[in-house]
Amino acid sequence: MIRTRQWIMDNFMTLAREKPLNKITVAQIVERCGLNRNTFYYYFEDIPSLIEAIFAQQAAALLPEQRDTLSLLDSLDQGLAWCQAHREAALHIYHSASRELFQQHLTGLIGDTLNAYARQMKLDAIYDPEALRAVLHFYRCLLLGAVLDWLDQDMRYDLKEETRRLISLAENGALLPPEYPGKPA
């Protein structure tokens, strides 16, 4: 059973590399798999639920890797490796009606990455709970904005380097207004 489900997911990803999401039908997926429509509907309600399953599978696979690294950038890079490995499919999904679903999973992935990083670095010992929540929220918004821009630009630039610069600017207070009381001198 699991092999059939995975077979459907893999064949969908192959189709998603080849054409935009709005051009892919359940009939095309099952034809490529050599299955019937009932088998598809046994595992998935529709194509968006298939995409949801693919995102959930990727997120589950990444979390153990994130626990083994202390670098926030490396953790983020691991999380975006799927997008880079499946560039055409990721962009077809991102530029489709499933964009909201894609963004929800991306937001969750970035949030999970930041939470794992905060636990690894024991940031709760440095910040009170409300301040830690604010810091994590700030970085989640910063990173989400950077990733969405990267996707909007069809992944044409080095996101890791751009993110490294953004984090460095944030950590050095360059993103804070001059009158901010906590800004480094």
N, C-alpha and C. Protein backbone atom coordinates (compact mmCIF):
# COMPACT_ATOMS: atom_id res chain seq x y z
N MET A 1 0.82 -1.20 0.00
CA MET A 1 0.00 0.00 0.00
C MET A 1 0.86 1.26 0.00
N ILE A 2 1.85 1.30 0.88
CA ILE A 2 2.70 2.48 0.98
C ILE A 2 3.44 2.70 -0.33
N ARG A 3 3.84 1.61 -0.97
CA ARG A 3 4.55 1.75 -2.25
C ARG A 3 3.64 2.36 -3.31
N THR A 4 2.38 1.98 -3.32
CA THR A 4 1.44 2.53 -4.31
C THR A 4 1.26 4.03 -4.06
N ARG A 5 1.09 4.40 -2.81
CA ARG A 5 0.92 5.82 -2.46
C ARG A 5 2.16 6.60 -2.90
N GLN A 6 3.33 6.08 -2.60
CA GLN A 6 4.58 6.74 -2.97
C GLN A 6 4.73 6.80 -4.49
N TRP A 7 4.32 5.73 -5.17
CA TRP A 7 4.38 5.67 -6.63
C TRP A 7 3.54 6.80 -7.24
N ILE A 8 2.35 7.02 -6.69
CA ILE A 8 1.49 8.11 -7.15
C ILE A 8 2.17 9.45 -6.91
N MET A 9 2.74 9.63 -5.72
CA MET A 9 3.40 10.90 -5.40
C MET A 9 4.60 11.14 -6.32
N ASP A 10 5.40 10.12 -6.54
CA ASP A 10 6.58 10.26 -7.41
C ASP A 10 6.17 10.59 -8.85
N ASN A 11 5.16 9.92 -9.35
CA ASN A 11 4.72 10.19 -10.72
C ASN A 11 4.08 11.57 -10.85
N PHE A 12 3.40 12.00 -9.82
CA PHE A 12 2.87 13.37 -9.84
C PHE A 12 4.02 14.38 -9.92
N MET A 13 5.06 14.16 -9.14
CA MET A 13 6.20 15.09 -9.16
C MET A 13 6.85 15.11 -10.54
N THR A 14 6.92 13.98 -11.21
CA THR A 14 7.46 13.95 -12.57
C THR A 14 6.59 14.79 -13.50
N LEU A 15 5.28 14.64 -13.39
CA LEU A 15 4.38 15.45 -14.21
C LEU A 15 4.50 16.94 -13.86
N ALA A 16 4.65 17.24 -12.58
CA ALA A 16 4.74 18.64 -12.14
C ALA A 16 6.03 19.29 -12.63
N ARG A 17 7.06 18.50 -12.89
CA ARG A 17 8.28 19.06 -13.49
C ARG A 17 8.04 19.42 -14.95
N GLU A 18 7.15 18.70 -15.58
CA GLU A 18 6.93 18.84 -17.02
C GLU A 18 5.92 19.92 -17.39
N LYS A 19 4.95 20.17 -16.52
CA LYS A 19 3.89 21.11 -16.90
C LYS A 19 3.30 21.79 -15.68
N PRO A 20 2.66 22.94 -15.90
CA PRO A 20 2.01 23.66 -14.79
C PRO A 20 0.93 22.80 -14.13
N LEU A 21 0.69 23.08 -12.89
CA LEU A 21 -0.26 22.30 -12.10
C LEU A 21 -1.66 22.30 -12.70
N ASN A 22 -2.08 23.42 -13.26
CA ASN A 22 -3.44 23.49 -13.81
C ASN A 22 -3.60 22.66 -15.09
N LYS A 23 -2.51 22.11 -15.58
CA LYS A 23 -2.56 21.25 -16.77
C LYS A 23 -2.47 19.76 -16.40
N ILE A 24 -2.38 19.46 -15.11
CA ILE A 24 -2.27 18.07 -14.65
C ILE A 24 -3.63 17.60 -14.15
N THR A 25 -4.02 16.41 -14.61
CA THR A 25 -5.30 15.83 -14.19
C THR A 25 -5.05 14.51 -13.47
N VAL A 26 -6.03 14.09 -12.72
CA VAL A 26 -5.96 12.78 -12.07
C VAL A 26 -5.81 11.69 -13.12
N ALA A 27 -6.50 11.85 -14.24
CA ALA A 27 -6.40 10.86 -15.32
C ALA A 27 -4.96 10.72 -15.81
N GLN A 28 -4.26 11.83 -15.94
CA GLN A 28 -2.85 11.78 -16.38
C GLN A 28 -1.97 11.10 -15.34
N ILE A 29 -2.22 11.38 -14.08
CA ILE A 29 -1.42 10.78 -13.00
C ILE A 29 -1.60 9.26 -13.01
N VAL A 30 -2.86 8.80 -13.04
CA VAL A 30 -3.10 7.36 -12.98
C VAL A 30 -2.62 6.66 -14.25
N GLU A 31 -2.73 7.34 -15.38
CA GLU A 31 -2.23 6.75 -16.62
C GLU A 31 -0.72 6.54 -16.52
N ARG A 32 -0.02 7.53 -16.02
CA ARG A 32 1.43 7.43 -15.87
C ARG A 32 1.80 6.33 -14.87
N CYS A 33 0.98 6.17 -13.85
CA CYS A 33 1.24 5.15 -12.83
C CYS A 33 0.82 3.74 -13.27
N GLY A 34 -0.05 3.67 -14.25
CA GLY A 34 -0.59 2.38 -14.65
C GLY A 34 -1.63 1.88 -13.65
N LEU A 35 -2.35 2.83 -13.04
CA LEU A 35 -3.37 2.50 -12.04
C LEU A 35 -4.72 3.01 -12.52
N ASN A 36 -5.77 2.67 -11.76
CA ASN A 36 -7.08 3.23 -12.10
C ASN A 36 -7.40 4.38 -11.14
N ARG A 37 -8.41 5.14 -11.51
CA ARG A 37 -8.79 6.33 -10.73
C ARG A 37 -9.17 5.97 -9.29
N ASN A 38 -9.82 4.83 -9.12
CA ASN A 38 -10.23 4.43 -7.77
C ASN A 38 -9.02 4.27 -6.85
N THR A 39 -7.92 3.78 -7.41
CA THR A 39 -6.72 3.63 -6.59
C THR A 39 -6.21 4.99 -6.16
N PHE A 40 -6.21 5.96 -7.07
CA PHE A 40 -5.80 7.32 -6.69
C PHE A 40 -6.67 7.83 -5.55
N TYR A 41 -7.99 7.69 -5.72
CA TYR A 41 -8.93 8.23 -4.72
C TYR A 41 -8.93 7.43 -3.42
N TYR A 42 -8.39 6.25 -3.42
CA TYR A 42 -8.22 5.50 -2.18
C TYR A 42 -7.19 6.21 -1.29
N TYR A 43 -6.15 6.76 -1.92
CA TYR A 43 -5.06 7.40 -1.19
C TYR A 43 -5.21 8.91 -1.03
N PHE A 44 -5.84 9.56 -2.01
CA PHE A 44 -5.92 11.02 -2.01
C PHE A 44 -7.32 11.47 -2.41
N GLU A 45 -7.78 12.52 -1.77
CA GLU A 45 -9.09 13.07 -2.09
C GLU A 45 -9.08 13.78 -3.45
N ASP A 46 -7.97 14.47 -3.72
CA ASP A 46 -7.83 15.24 -4.95
C ASP A 46 -6.35 15.62 -5.11
N ILE A 47 -6.04 16.40 -6.12
CA ILE A 47 -4.64 16.78 -6.35
C ILE A 47 -4.11 17.66 -5.21
N PRO A 48 -4.87 18.64 -4.70
CA PRO A 48 -4.35 19.40 -3.55
C PRO A 48 -4.01 18.52 -2.33
N SER A 49 -4.80 17.48 -2.09
CA SER A 49 -4.48 16.60 -0.95
C SER A 49 -3.22 15.78 -1.25
N LEU A 50 -2.98 15.48 -2.51
CA LEU A 50 -1.74 14.82 -2.92
C LEU A 50 -0.55 15.75 -2.66
N ILE A 51 -0.69 17.00 -3.02
CA ILE A 51 0.37 17.98 -2.77
C ILE A 51 0.60 18.13 -1.27
N GLU A 52 -0.47 18.19 -0.52
CA GLU A 52 -0.37 18.28 0.95
C GLU A 52 0.43 17.10 1.50
N ALA A 53 0.17 15.90 1.00
CA ALA A 53 0.89 14.71 1.46
C ALA A 53 2.37 14.79 1.11
N ILE A 54 2.68 15.32 -0.06
CA ILE A 54 4.09 15.48 -0.46
C ILE A 54 4.79 16.47 0.48
N PHE A 55 4.14 17.60 0.76
CA PHE A 55 4.73 18.59 1.68
C PHE A 55 4.92 17.99 3.07
N ALA A 56 3.92 17.28 3.56
CA ALA A 56 4.01 16.68 4.89
C ALA A 56 5.15 15.66 4.95
N GLN A 57 5.30 14.88 3.89
CA GLN A 57 6.38 13.90 3.84
C GLN A 57 7.75 14.58 3.87
N GLN A 58 7.89 15.65 3.12
CA GLN A 58 9.16 16.37 3.08
C GLN A 58 9.46 17.02 4.43
N ALA A 59 8.47 17.62 5.05
CA ALA A 59 8.68 18.24 6.35
C ALA A 59 9.09 17.21 7.39
N ALA A 60 8.44 16.05 7.39
CA ALA A 60 8.77 14.99 8.35
C ALA A 60 10.19 14.48 8.13
N ALA A 61 10.61 14.43 6.89
CA ALA A 61 11.96 13.94 6.59
C ALA A 61 13.03 14.94 7.01
N LEU A 62 12.70 16.22 7.03
CA LEU A 62 13.70 17.24 7.34
C LEU A 62 13.92 17.44 8.83
N LEU A 63 12.90 17.27 9.62
CA LEU A 63 13.03 17.60 11.04
C LEU A 63 14.15 16.85 11.76
N PRO A 64 14.35 15.54 11.53
CA PRO A 64 15.47 14.88 12.21
C PRO A 64 16.82 15.48 11.82
N GLU A 65 16.99 15.86 10.57
CA GLU A 65 18.23 16.47 10.13
C GLU A 65 18.45 17.81 10.83
N GLN A 66 17.39 18.56 11.03
CA GLN A 66 17.51 19.87 11.66
C GLN A 66 17.98 19.76 13.10
N ARG A 67 17.61 18.69 13.77
CA ARG A 67 18.03 18.53 15.16
C ARG A 67 19.53 18.29 15.28
N ASP A 68 20.17 17.85 14.22
CA ASP A 68 21.59 17.52 14.26
C ASP A 68 22.50 18.68 13.88
N THR A 69 21.94 19.81 13.52
CA THR A 69 22.76 20.94 13.09
C THR A 69 22.51 22.13 14.00
N LEU A 70 23.53 22.91 14.22
CA LEU A 70 23.37 24.10 15.05
C LEU A 70 23.28 25.37 14.22
N SER A 71 23.52 25.28 12.95
CA SER A 71 23.49 26.45 12.09
C SER A 71 22.08 26.71 11.58
N LEU A 72 21.58 27.89 11.87
CA LEU A 72 20.25 28.26 11.38
C LEU A 72 20.23 28.26 9.86
N LEU A 73 21.28 28.79 9.24
CA LEU A 73 21.32 28.83 7.78
C LEU A 73 21.39 27.43 7.17
N ASP A 74 22.16 26.54 7.80
CA ASP A 74 22.23 25.17 7.29
C ASP A 74 20.89 24.47 7.43
N SER A 75 20.19 24.74 8.53
CA SER A 75 18.86 24.16 8.72
C SER A 75 17.90 24.65 7.65
N LEU A 76 17.93 25.94 7.39
CA LEU A 76 17.07 26.50 6.35
C LEU A 76 17.45 25.94 4.98
N ASP A 77 18.74 25.83 4.73
CA ASP A 77 19.22 25.29 3.47
C ASP A 77 18.72 23.86 3.26
N GLN A 78 18.74 23.05 4.32
CA GLN A 78 18.22 21.68 4.23
C GLN A 78 16.74 21.71 3.88
N GLY A 79 16.02 22.64 4.49
CA GLY A 79 14.59 22.73 4.24
C GLY A 79 14.26 23.15 2.81
N LEU A 80 15.12 23.94 2.21
CA LEU A 80 14.87 24.40 0.85
C LEU A 80 15.52 23.53 -0.21
N ALA A 81 16.28 22.53 0.22
CA ALA A 81 16.93 21.62 -0.72
C ALA A 81 15.91 20.92 -1.61
N TRP A 82 14.74 20.60 -1.04
CA TRP A 82 13.69 19.96 -1.83
C TRP A 82 13.27 20.88 -2.98
N CYS A 83 13.08 22.16 -2.68
CA CYS A 83 12.70 23.11 -3.74
C CYS A 83 13.76 23.16 -4.84
N GLN A 84 15.01 23.16 -4.43
CA GLN A 84 16.09 23.23 -5.42
C GLN A 84 16.19 21.92 -6.22
N ALA A 85 16.02 20.79 -5.55
CA ALA A 85 16.10 19.50 -6.23
C ALA A 85 14.94 19.28 -7.19
N HIS A 86 13.81 19.89 -6.90
CA HIS A 86 12.60 19.75 -7.72
C HIS A 86 12.16 21.12 -8.21
N ARG A 87 13.12 21.89 -8.70
CA ARG A 87 12.91 23.30 -9.05
C ARG A 87 11.65 23.53 -9.88
N GLU A 88 11.54 22.84 -11.02
CA GLU A 88 10.40 23.07 -11.92
C GLU A 88 9.09 22.72 -11.24
N ALA A 89 9.05 21.59 -10.57
CA ALA A 89 7.82 21.19 -9.88
C ALA A 89 7.46 22.18 -8.77
N ALA A 90 8.46 22.58 -7.99
CA ALA A 90 8.22 23.53 -6.90
C ALA A 90 7.67 24.85 -7.44
N LEU A 91 8.27 25.33 -8.52
CA LEU A 91 7.79 26.58 -9.10
C LEU A 91 6.40 26.43 -9.71
N HIS A 92 6.11 25.30 -10.34
CA HIS A 92 4.76 25.07 -10.87
C HIS A 92 3.73 25.05 -9.74
N ILE A 93 4.08 24.42 -8.64
CA ILE A 93 3.15 24.38 -7.50
C ILE A 93 3.01 25.78 -6.90
N TYR A 94 4.14 26.47 -6.73
CA TYR A 94 4.13 27.82 -6.13
C TYR A 94 3.31 28.80 -6.97
N HIS A 95 3.42 28.71 -8.28
CA HIS A 95 2.72 29.64 -9.17
C HIS A 95 1.32 29.17 -9.53
N SER A 96 0.78 28.22 -8.79
CA SER A 96 -0.55 27.67 -9.09
C SER A 96 -1.57 28.11 -8.05
N ALA A 97 -2.75 27.57 -8.19
CA ALA A 97 -3.80 27.82 -7.21
C ALA A 97 -3.44 27.23 -5.84
N SER A 98 -2.46 26.32 -5.81
CA SER A 98 -2.02 25.72 -4.55
C SER A 98 -0.95 26.55 -3.85
N ARG A 99 -0.76 27.78 -4.30
CA ARG A 99 0.25 28.66 -3.71
C ARG A 99 0.04 28.86 -2.21
N GLU A 100 -1.21 29.03 -1.82
CA GLU A 100 -1.51 29.23 -0.39
C GLU A 100 -1.08 28.02 0.43
N LEU A 101 -1.35 26.83 -0.09
CA LEU A 101 -0.94 25.60 0.57
C LEU A 101 0.58 25.53 0.67
N PHE A 102 1.25 25.87 -0.42
CA PHE A 102 2.71 25.89 -0.46
C PHE A 102 3.23 26.86 0.61
N GLN A 103 2.65 28.06 0.67
CA GLN A 103 3.10 29.07 1.62
C GLN A 103 2.83 28.63 3.06
N GLN A 104 1.71 27.97 3.31
CA GLN A 104 1.42 27.48 4.66
C GLN A 104 2.49 26.48 5.11
N HIS A 105 2.85 25.57 4.22
CA HIS A 105 3.87 24.58 4.58
C HIS A 105 5.24 25.24 4.73
N LEU A 106 5.52 26.20 3.92
CA LEU A 106 6.78 26.92 4.01
C LEU A 106 6.86 27.68 5.34
N THR A 107 5.77 28.33 5.72
CA THR A 107 5.71 29.04 7.00
C THR A 107 5.92 28.06 8.16
N GLY A 108 5.28 26.90 8.09
CA GLY A 108 5.45 25.88 9.13
C GLY A 108 6.88 25.36 9.17
N LEU A 109 7.45 25.13 8.00
CA LEU A 109 8.83 24.64 7.94
C LEU A 109 9.81 25.64 8.54
N ILE A 110 9.64 26.92 8.20
CA ILE A 110 10.52 27.95 8.75
C ILE A 110 10.30 28.07 10.26
N GLY A 111 9.04 28.02 10.69
CA GLY A 111 8.76 28.08 12.13
C GLY A 111 9.36 26.90 12.88
N ASP A 112 9.22 25.69 12.33
CA ASP A 112 9.80 24.49 12.96
C ASP A 112 11.32 24.58 13.00
N THR A 113 11.92 25.10 11.92
CA THR A 113 13.37 25.26 11.87
C THR A 113 13.83 26.23 12.96
N LEU A 114 13.15 27.35 13.07
CA LEU A 114 13.52 28.34 14.09
C LEU A 114 13.31 27.81 15.50
N ASN A 115 12.22 27.09 15.73
CA ASN A 115 11.97 26.52 17.05
C ASN A 115 13.03 25.48 17.42
N ALA A 116 13.41 24.64 16.46
CA ALA A 116 14.46 23.65 16.71
C ALA A 116 15.78 24.36 17.01
N TYR A 117 16.08 25.40 16.26
CA TYR A 117 17.31 26.17 16.47
C TYR A 117 17.29 26.81 17.87
N ALA A 118 16.16 27.38 18.25
CA ALA A 118 16.04 28.03 19.57
C ALA A 118 16.26 27.01 20.69
N ARG A 119 15.72 25.79 20.53
CA ARG A 119 15.95 24.75 21.54
C ARG A 119 17.42 24.34 21.58
N GLN A 120 18.02 24.14 20.41
CA GLN A 120 19.43 23.73 20.35
C GLN A 120 20.34 24.76 21.00
N MET A 121 20.05 26.02 20.76
CA MET A 121 20.89 27.10 21.27
C MET A 121 20.48 27.53 22.68
N LYS A 122 19.44 26.87 23.22
CA LYS A 122 18.93 27.18 24.56
C LYS A 122 18.63 28.68 24.72
N LEU A 123 17.94 29.22 23.72
CA LEU A 123 17.61 30.64 23.72
C LEU A 123 16.63 31.00 24.82
N ASP A 124 15.89 30.02 25.34
CA ASP A 124 14.97 30.31 26.44
C ASP A 124 15.72 30.69 27.71
N ALA A 125 17.02 30.38 27.78
CA ALA A 125 17.84 30.80 28.93
C ALA A 125 18.33 32.24 28.76
N ILE A 126 18.27 32.74 27.54
CA ILE A 126 18.75 34.10 27.25
C ILE A 126 17.60 35.09 27.24
N TYR A 127 16.46 34.69 26.67
CA TYR A 127 15.31 35.57 26.51
C TYR A 127 14.16 35.13 27.40
N ASP A 128 13.39 36.11 27.90
CA ASP A 128 12.16 35.73 28.59
C ASP A 128 11.18 35.23 27.51
N PRO A 129 10.16 34.47 27.90
CA PRO A 129 9.28 33.83 26.91
C PRO A 129 8.68 34.80 25.88
N GLU A 130 8.26 35.97 26.33
CA GLU A 130 7.64 36.93 25.40
C GLU A 130 8.67 37.50 24.44
N ALA A 131 9.86 37.78 24.91
CA ALA A 131 10.93 38.29 24.04
C ALA A 131 11.35 37.22 23.03
N LEU A 132 11.45 35.96 23.48
CA LEU A 132 11.82 34.88 22.58
C LEU A 132 10.76 34.71 21.50
N ARG A 133 9.50 34.79 21.87
CA ARG A 133 8.43 34.70 20.89
C ARG A 133 8.56 35.81 19.86
N ALA A 134 8.86 37.02 20.31
CA ALA A 134 9.01 38.17 19.40
C ALA A 134 10.21 37.98 18.48
N VAL A 135 11.33 37.50 19.02
CA VAL A 135 12.53 37.28 18.20
C VAL A 135 12.26 36.22 17.15
N LEU A 136 11.63 35.11 17.54
CA LEU A 136 11.32 34.04 16.59
C LEU A 136 10.32 34.51 15.53
N HIS A 137 9.35 35.32 15.94
CA HIS A 137 8.39 35.87 15.00
C HIS A 137 9.09 36.77 13.98
N PHE A 138 9.98 37.62 14.46
CA PHE A 138 10.73 38.52 13.57
C PHE A 138 11.51 37.71 12.54
N TYR A 139 12.25 36.70 12.99
CA TYR A 139 13.05 35.91 12.06
C TYR A 139 12.18 35.08 11.12
N ARG A 140 11.04 34.60 11.63
CA ARG A 140 10.14 33.85 10.73
C ARG A 140 9.65 34.75 9.61
N CYS A 141 9.25 35.97 9.94
CA CYS A 141 8.79 36.91 8.91
C CYS A 141 9.92 37.30 7.96
N LEU A 142 11.10 37.55 8.50
CA LEU A 142 12.25 37.91 7.68
C LEU A 142 12.59 36.79 6.70
N LEU A 143 12.68 35.57 7.21
CA LEU A 143 13.05 34.43 6.37
C LEU A 143 11.94 34.08 5.38
N LEU A 144 10.69 34.13 5.82
CA LEU A 144 9.58 33.84 4.91
C LEU A 144 9.56 34.84 3.76
N GLY A 145 9.75 36.11 4.08
CA GLY A 145 9.79 37.12 3.03
C GLY A 145 10.92 36.87 2.04
N ALA A 146 12.08 36.50 2.56
CA ALA A 146 13.22 36.22 1.68
C ALA A 146 12.95 35.01 0.79
N VAL A 147 12.37 33.97 1.35
CA VAL A 147 12.08 32.76 0.56
C VAL A 147 11.01 33.03 -0.49
N LEU A 148 9.97 33.76 -0.11
CA LEU A 148 8.92 34.07 -1.08
C LEU A 148 9.46 34.93 -2.23
N ASP A 149 10.34 35.88 -1.91
CA ASP A 149 10.96 36.68 -2.97
C ASP A 149 11.81 35.80 -3.88
N TRP A 150 12.55 34.88 -3.29
CA TRP A 150 13.38 33.95 -4.05
C TRP A 150 12.51 33.13 -5.01
N LEU A 151 11.37 32.66 -4.52
CA LEU A 151 10.45 31.90 -5.37
C LEU A 151 9.84 32.81 -6.44
N ASP A 152 9.47 34.04 -6.06
CA ASP A 152 8.93 34.99 -7.05
C ASP A 152 9.95 35.28 -8.15
N GLN A 153 11.22 35.23 -7.79
CA GLN A 153 12.30 35.46 -8.77
C GLN A 153 12.74 34.15 -9.44
N ASP A 154 11.91 33.11 -9.31
CA ASP A 154 12.17 31.80 -9.91
C ASP A 154 13.52 31.21 -9.49
N MET A 155 13.88 31.43 -8.21
CA MET A 155 15.09 30.85 -7.61
C MET A 155 16.35 31.25 -8.37
N ARG A 156 16.42 32.48 -8.85
CA ARG A 156 17.54 32.91 -9.69
C ARG A 156 18.74 33.42 -8.92
N TYR A 157 18.66 33.54 -7.62
CA TYR A 157 19.82 34.00 -6.87
C TYR A 157 20.11 33.06 -5.71
N ASP A 158 21.26 33.26 -5.10
CA ASP A 158 21.72 32.40 -4.01
C ASP A 158 21.01 32.81 -2.72
N LEU A 159 19.97 32.10 -2.39
CA LEU A 159 19.16 32.44 -1.21
C LEU A 159 19.97 32.32 0.07
N LYS A 160 20.82 31.32 0.17
CA LYS A 160 21.58 31.13 1.40
C LYS A 160 22.47 32.35 1.66
N GLU A 161 23.12 32.85 0.63
CA GLU A 161 23.99 34.03 0.80
C GLU A 161 23.16 35.27 1.13
N GLU A 162 22.04 35.43 0.46
CA GLU A 162 21.15 36.56 0.73
C GLU A 162 20.64 36.50 2.17
N THR A 163 20.26 35.33 2.62
CA THR A 163 19.77 35.15 3.98
C THR A 163 20.88 35.38 4.99
N ARG A 164 22.09 34.93 4.68
CA ARG A 164 23.24 35.18 5.56
C ARG A 164 23.42 36.69 5.76
N ARG A 165 23.32 37.46 4.68
CA ARG A 165 23.45 38.92 4.78
C ARG A 165 22.32 39.52 5.62
N LEU A 166 21.07 39.07 5.39
CA LEU A 166 19.94 39.59 6.15
C LEU A 166 20.08 39.31 7.64
N ILE A 167 20.45 38.08 7.98
CA ILE A 167 20.60 37.71 9.40
C ILE A 167 21.73 38.52 10.03
N SER A 168 22.82 38.69 9.31
CA SER A 168 23.94 39.49 9.82
C SER A 168 23.50 40.93 10.07
N LEU A 169 22.76 41.50 9.12
CA LEU A 169 22.25 42.87 9.30
C LEU A 169 21.32 42.95 10.51
N ALA A 170 20.44 41.96 10.65
CA ALA A 170 19.51 41.95 11.79
C ALA A 170 20.26 41.83 13.11
N GLU A 171 21.24 40.93 13.15
CA GLU A 171 21.98 40.72 14.39
C GLU A 171 22.84 41.92 14.76
N ASN A 172 23.26 42.71 13.78
CA ASN A 172 24.07 43.90 14.05
C ASN A 172 23.24 45.15 14.21
N GLY A 173 21.93 45.01 14.21
CA GLY A 173 21.04 46.13 14.46
C GLY A 173 20.80 47.03 13.26
N ALA A 174 21.30 46.67 12.09
CA ALA A 174 21.15 47.52 10.91
C ALA A 174 19.71 47.63 10.44
N LEU A 175 18.86 46.69 10.82
CA LEU A 175 17.46 46.74 10.40
C LEU A 175 16.58 47.50 11.39
N LEU A 176 17.19 48.00 12.47
CA LEU A 176 16.44 48.73 13.48
C LEU A 176 16.54 50.23 13.21
N PRO A 177 15.50 50.99 13.55
CA PRO A 177 15.58 52.44 13.37
C PRO A 177 16.63 53.02 14.32
N PRO A 178 17.26 54.15 13.94
CA PRO A 178 18.34 54.73 14.76
C PRO A 178 17.93 55.02 16.21
N GLU A 179 16.65 55.35 16.42
CA GLU A 179 16.21 55.71 17.77
C GLU A 179 15.87 54.51 18.64
N TYR A 180 15.98 53.29 18.10
CA TYR A 180 15.65 52.09 18.87
C TYR A 180 16.61 51.97 20.05
N PRO A 181 16.07 51.85 21.29
CA PRO A 181 16.94 51.87 22.47
C PRO A 181 17.90 50.68 22.58
N GLY A 182 17.55 49.54 22.01
CA GLY A 182 18.41 48.38 22.15
C GLY A 182 19.40 48.21 21.01
N LYS A 183 19.46 49.19 20.10
CA LYS A 183 20.32 49.07 18.93
C LYS A 183 21.79 49.17 19.33
N PRO A 184 22.63 48.23 18.83
CA PRO A 184 24.06 48.31 19.13
C PRO A 184 24.67 49.60 18.59
N ALA A 185 25.66 50.08 19.26
CA ALA A 185 26.31 51.35 18.85
C ALA A 185 27.17 51.16 17.62
